[in-house]
Amino acid sequence: MIRKTSLNVNSAKYIAQRSTLTICFTLAWMWLIDGFKIPIDPKTMLQMVGCALICGIGLFSFIEATKHLAFTNLLLIQSLGPIIQQVIGKYLFNEPSKWSLQVSFVIAIIGILIQSKIPKNTRGLGLALISVFFWTLGYSLMSIPLKKTEMVWSVLIVEGTILSIAIIGLLIRKNTKDFIQSPIPKMIVFIAGITVIGSYMLNYTYKHFQITNIAWLNLIFLPITVSASQLIFKEKISKLEIISNVIIFIAFAFYQLVG
C-alpha cells in the first residue's frame, strides 16, 4: 500500500502525513487505555528516540527505494535483514555466530552484485540496502528499551520521532506550506491505522520473542508476499533480476534452515 500511494509524492511529506495520523490514533488509544497515566522511564524514552532515529532513516530510504526498484526486488533485498541482524549481534553485542552466517552472507553478496550490474537498479539497490541496514540496526538496538516499557509508548515514541525527521526534511526543502495545505488522502488514513496495529505487534515480538524466531516467520511469509506483489503490480522482471532474487532468497533460506 505504501508503494501504491507514495510513488509520485515527496517522501518527507508522505511520511509526515502518515505519522501525524499514527500519532493521533496512538494518543487516542493511550487515552482509552489509562488516560495517559502509563509510566515510562526518561532514560528508556531517550534510548527509544535514538533507535527510532535510526529506524526513520530506514523508513525514508525504503520509500525512496520503491520509486527506483521493482517491488519484488525490494522485498527480496529486505529479506537480508535477519542475516544482517546476526552480523550486528556478532560485532556489536559479541554474540557467537555459526558458520552458516558467513556462507549465507557470501551467497547474499553474490546476489546483490548480480543485481548491481543492472544500470536501472543501481540507485534503488543502494537505497534498499541502506533501508534494510538501518531498519535492522534500529530494531536490534530497540529490543533493549522495549523490555522496559509498555508497547503503546513505544509506538508513540517511534512515530513521533519519525514525524520529527519528516518535518525537518520539509523545512530544509521548504515544503512545509504544501504539507499543511494538502488534504490527507483517504488511503493514507487506512495505512496509518494499519501501521499503528502493525507497529504494536512488531514491538511486541521484539520484546517477548527471540530474533531468530521472528526470522522464521519472515521465511514463511516471504514467498507469499513476493507472489502477492507480482499479482498487484504485474512487474516485468528480467532473467538477471530473477537469478539475483533466487540467489538472495537461497542465502536467507540457507541461514534459517541450517543456522
Protein backbone atom coordinates (compact mmCIF):
# COMPACT_ATOMS: atom_id res chain seq x y z
CA MET A 1 0.00 0.00 0.00
CA ILE A 2 2.91 2.34 0.69
CA ARG A 3 4.26 1.52 -2.75
CA LYS A 4 0.95 2.33 -4.47
CA THR A 5 0.44 5.64 -2.65
CA SER A 6 3.96 7.10 -2.46
CA LEU A 7 5.36 6.74 -5.99
CA ASN A 8 4.61 10.32 -7.09
CA VAL A 9 4.72 12.01 -3.69
CA ASN A 10 7.56 13.76 -1.82
CA SER A 11 8.79 11.15 0.69
CA ALA A 12 9.11 13.60 3.61
CA LYS A 13 5.58 14.88 3.00
CA TYR A 14 4.25 11.33 2.72
CA ILE A 15 5.88 10.23 5.98
CA ALA A 16 4.71 13.41 7.75
CA GLN A 17 1.08 12.78 6.73
CA ARG A 18 1.23 9.14 7.74
CA SER A 19 2.98 9.77 11.07
CA THR A 20 0.67 12.66 12.00
CA LEU A 21 -2.25 10.25 11.77
CA THR A 22 -0.49 7.38 13.55
CA ILE A 23 0.32 9.70 16.47
CA CYS A 24 -3.32 10.83 16.67
CA PHE A 25 -4.52 7.22 16.65
CA THR A 26 -1.95 6.21 19.27
CA LEU A 27 -2.83 9.12 21.58
CA ALA A 28 -6.50 8.15 21.34
CA TRP A 29 -5.53 4.57 22.16
CA MET A 30 -3.47 5.68 25.20
CA TRP A 31 -6.37 7.81 26.46
CA LEU A 32 -8.76 4.88 26.20
CA ILE A 33 -6.34 2.51 27.97
CA ASP A 34 -5.38 4.55 31.01
CA GLY A 35 -5.90 8.26 30.44
CA PHE A 36 -2.20 8.92 29.67
CA LYS A 37 -1.15 7.53 33.07
CA ILE A 38 1.07 4.84 31.55
CA PRO A 39 4.54 5.22 33.17
CA ILE A 40 7.84 5.39 31.28
CA ASP A 41 11.40 5.93 32.45
CA PRO A 42 13.10 9.04 30.90
CA LYS A 43 16.28 7.08 30.16
CA THR A 44 14.28 4.41 28.35
CA MET A 45 12.47 7.11 26.38
CA LEU A 46 15.78 8.64 25.19
CA GLN A 47 17.06 5.21 24.19
CA MET A 48 13.93 4.61 22.14
CA VAL A 49 14.20 8.02 20.48
CA GLY A 50 17.76 7.20 19.42
CA CYS A 51 16.69 3.83 18.00
CA ALA A 52 13.70 5.44 16.28
CA LEU A 53 16.01 7.97 14.57
CA ILE A 54 17.93 5.06 13.06
CA CYS A 55 14.69 3.33 12.02
CA GLY A 56 13.47 6.60 10.50
CA ILE A 57 16.44 6.63 8.11
CA GLY A 58 15.49 3.08 7.15
CA LEU A 59 11.86 4.01 6.50
CA PHE A 60 12.74 7.07 4.40
CA SER A 61 15.20 5.00 2.35
CA PHE A 62 12.57 2.28 1.86
CA ILE A 63 10.01 4.72 0.48
CA GLU A 64 12.61 6.27 -1.82
CA ALA A 65 13.72 2.81 -2.96
CA THR A 66 10.17 1.92 -4.05
CA LYS A 67 10.43 4.71 -6.63
CA HIS A 68 13.56 3.27 -8.26
CA LEU A 69 13.33 -0.50 -7.83
CA ALA A 70 10.81 -3.21 -8.72
CA PHE A 71 8.89 -4.07 -5.56
CA THR A 72 9.71 -7.79 -5.86
CA ASN A 73 13.42 -6.96 -5.91
CA LEU A 74 12.96 -4.66 -2.91
CA LEU A 75 11.18 -7.38 -0.91
CA LEU A 76 13.94 -9.92 -1.56
CA ILE A 77 16.62 -7.41 -0.53
CA GLN A 78 14.64 -6.74 2.67
CA SER A 79 14.93 -10.47 3.43
CA LEU A 80 18.63 -9.86 4.14
CA GLY A 81 17.55 -8.24 7.44
CA PRO A 82 17.84 -11.41 9.59
CA ILE A 83 21.32 -12.12 8.20
CA ILE A 84 22.42 -8.53 8.85
CA GLN A 85 20.86 -8.83 12.31
CA GLN A 86 23.19 -11.71 13.14
CA VAL A 87 26.21 -9.75 11.86
CA ILE A 88 25.18 -6.84 14.11
CA GLY A 89 24.81 -9.24 17.04
CA LYS A 90 28.28 -10.66 16.43
CA TYR A 91 30.16 -7.36 16.13
CA LEU A 92 28.11 -5.03 18.37
CA PHE A 93 26.91 -7.42 21.08
CA ASN A 94 29.72 -10.01 20.87
CA GLU A 95 27.22 -12.81 20.31
CA PRO A 96 28.55 -16.13 18.95
CA SER A 97 27.84 -16.86 15.29
CA LYS A 98 27.68 -20.09 13.29
CA TRP A 99 29.50 -20.99 10.10
CA SER A 100 26.23 -20.77 8.18
CA LEU A 101 26.20 -16.99 8.75
CA GLN A 102 29.38 -16.47 6.75
CA VAL A 103 28.20 -18.77 3.95
CA SER A 104 24.80 -17.02 3.77
CA PHE A 105 26.45 -13.61 3.72
CA VAL A 106 28.70 -14.60 0.79
CA ILE A 107 25.72 -16.03 -1.15
CA ALA A 108 23.72 -12.84 -0.49
CA ILE A 109 26.58 -10.63 -1.69
CA ILE A 110 26.73 -12.61 -4.95
CA GLY A 111 23.00 -11.96 -5.48
CA ILE A 112 23.43 -8.25 -4.74
CA LEU A 113 26.42 -7.95 -7.09
CA ILE A 114 24.43 -9.56 -9.91
CA GLN A 115 21.59 -7.08 -9.42
CA SER A 116 24.04 -4.17 -9.24
CA LYS A 117 25.04 -4.97 -12.82
CA ILE A 118 21.61 -3.78 -13.97
CA PRO A 119 22.07 0.00 -14.57
CA LYS A 120 18.43 0.96 -13.86
CA ASN A 121 18.59 -0.73 -10.45
CA THR A 122 21.75 0.96 -9.14
CA ARG A 123 20.10 3.84 -7.23
CA GLY A 124 17.22 1.74 -5.93
CA LEU A 125 19.58 -1.03 -4.84
CA GLY A 126 21.68 1.39 -2.79
CA LEU A 127 18.59 2.84 -1.10
CA ALA A 128 17.23 -0.65 -0.40
CA LEU A 129 20.48 -1.72 1.25
CA ILE A 130 20.56 1.47 3.36
CA SER A 131 16.94 0.81 4.33
CA VAL A 132 17.42 -2.79 5.43
CA PHE A 133 20.63 -1.97 7.33
CA PHE A 134 19.27 0.98 9.31
CA TRP A 135 15.87 -0.61 9.98
CA THR A 136 17.55 -3.81 11.21
CA LEU A 137 20.09 -1.92 13.30
CA GLY A 138 17.39 0.30 14.82
CA TYR A 139 15.18 -2.57 15.87
CA SER A 140 18.10 -4.71 17.08
CA LEU A 141 19.04 -1.89 19.46
CA MET A 142 15.40 -1.13 20.30
CA SER A 143 14.88 -4.63 21.67
CA ILE A 144 16.74 -3.42 24.80
CA PRO A 145 14.50 -0.47 25.86
CA LEU A 146 11.37 -2.32 24.65
CA LYS A 147 11.79 -4.74 27.55
CA LYS A 148 11.41 -1.81 29.98
CA THR A 149 8.30 -0.07 28.64
CA GLU A 150 4.72 -0.55 27.51
CA MET A 151 4.25 -1.21 23.79
CA VAL A 152 1.81 1.67 23.29
CA TRP A 153 4.50 4.11 24.49
CA SER A 154 6.98 2.57 22.07
CA VAL A 155 4.61 3.15 19.15
CA LEU A 156 4.10 6.80 20.14
CA ILE A 157 7.83 7.49 20.58
CA VAL A 158 8.82 5.82 17.33
CA GLU A 159 6.13 7.55 15.27
CA GLY A 160 6.78 10.90 16.99
CA THR A 161 10.48 10.66 16.20
CA ILE A 162 9.81 9.71 12.58
CA LEU A 163 7.39 12.65 12.25
CA SER A 164 10.09 14.98 13.59
CA ILE A 165 12.55 13.70 10.96
CA ALA A 166 9.96 14.26 8.21
CA ILE A 167 9.19 17.80 9.37
CA ILE A 168 12.91 18.66 9.42
CA GLY A 169 13.13 17.35 5.85
CA LEU A 170 10.18 19.52 4.82
CA LEU A 171 11.74 22.58 6.46
CA ILE A 172 15.05 22.00 4.68
CA ARG A 173 13.30 21.70 1.31
CA LYS A 174 10.84 24.50 2.19
CA ASN A 175 7.81 22.26 1.58
CA THR A 176 6.03 22.80 4.91
CA LYS A 177 3.34 25.03 3.36
CA ASP A 178 2.44 22.32 0.84
CA PHE A 179 2.24 19.76 3.67
CA ILE A 180 -0.06 21.95 5.80
CA GLN A 181 -2.38 22.88 2.93
CA SER A 182 -2.59 19.48 1.23
CA PRO A 183 -5.51 17.23 2.23
CA ILE A 184 -4.55 13.79 3.52
CA PRO A 185 -5.69 11.05 1.08
CA LYS A 186 -8.16 8.52 2.48
CA MET A 187 -5.81 5.65 1.67
CA ILE A 188 -3.12 7.13 3.96
CA VAL A 189 -5.68 7.24 6.78
CA PHE A 190 -6.16 3.50 6.30
CA ILE A 191 -2.39 2.90 6.07
CA ALA A 192 -1.86 4.86 9.31
CA GLY A 193 -4.40 2.68 11.13
CA ILE A 194 -2.71 -0.49 9.92
CA THR A 195 0.69 0.96 10.84
CA VAL A 196 -0.33 1.52 14.47
CA ILE A 197 -1.54 -2.07 14.81
CA GLY A 198 1.48 -3.43 12.92
CA SER A 199 3.95 -1.38 14.97
CA TYR A 200 2.39 -2.59 18.22
CA MET A 201 2.67 -6.23 17.09
CA LEU A 202 6.23 -5.76 15.80
CA ASN A 203 7.33 -4.17 19.07
CA TYR A 204 5.61 -6.97 20.99
CA THR A 205 7.57 -9.63 19.10
CA TYR A 206 10.90 -7.88 19.70
CA LYS A 207 10.04 -7.57 23.38
CA HIS A 208 8.92 -11.15 24.00
CA PHE A 209 10.45 -13.37 21.29
CA GLN A 210 13.92 -14.26 20.12
CA ILE A 211 15.06 -12.57 16.92
CA THR A 212 15.70 -15.94 15.28
CA ASN A 213 12.02 -16.88 15.76
CA ILE A 214 10.93 -13.65 14.07
CA ALA A 215 13.24 -14.50 11.17
CA TRP A 216 11.49 -17.86 10.77
CA LEU A 217 8.17 -16.05 10.31
CA ASN A 218 9.78 -13.92 7.62
CA LEU A 219 10.85 -17.12 5.85
CA ILE A 220 7.26 -18.44 5.89
CA PHE A 221 5.61 -15.27 4.58
CA LEU A 222 8.26 -14.01 2.14
CA PRO A 223 7.20 -16.19 -0.85
CA ILE A 224 3.55 -15.23 -0.24
CA THR A 225 4.41 -11.53 -0.12
CA VAL A 226 6.53 -11.70 -3.28
CA SER A 227 3.75 -13.57 -5.12
CA ALA A 228 1.16 -11.03 -3.98
CA SER A 229 3.32 -8.12 -5.14
CA GLN A 230 3.61 -9.71 -8.56
CA LEU A 231 -0.19 -10.03 -8.80
CA ILE A 232 -0.78 -6.45 -7.62
CA PHE A 233 1.91 -4.60 -9.58
CA LYS A 234 2.35 -7.02 -12.52
CA GLU A 235 6.01 -6.03 -12.77
CA LYS A 236 8.14 -7.40 -15.60
CA ILE A 237 11.40 -8.69 -14.15
CA SER A 238 14.39 -9.60 -16.30
CA LYS A 239 16.10 -13.01 -16.19
CA LEU A 240 19.09 -11.44 -14.45
CA GLU A 241 16.80 -9.99 -11.75
CA ILE A 242 15.13 -13.39 -11.28
CA ILE A 243 18.53 -15.07 -10.87
CA SER A 244 19.60 -12.39 -8.39
CA ASN A 245 16.38 -12.72 -6.38
CA VAL A 246 16.64 -16.51 -6.28
CA ILE A 247 20.24 -16.30 -5.01
CA ILE A 248 19.26 -13.77 -2.30
CA PHE A 249 16.37 -15.99 -1.21
CA ILE A 250 18.70 -19.03 -1.10
CA ALA A 251 21.03 -17.06 1.20
CA PHE A 252 18.12 -16.19 3.51
CA ALA A 253 16.64 -19.72 3.47
CA PHE A 254 20.06 -21.38 3.93
CA TYR A 255 20.80 -19.42 7.08
CA GLN A 256 17.36 -20.07 8.57
CA LEU A 257 17.34 -23.80 7.76
CA VAL A 258 20.98 -24.60 8.51
CA GLY A 259 21.76 -21.95 11.14
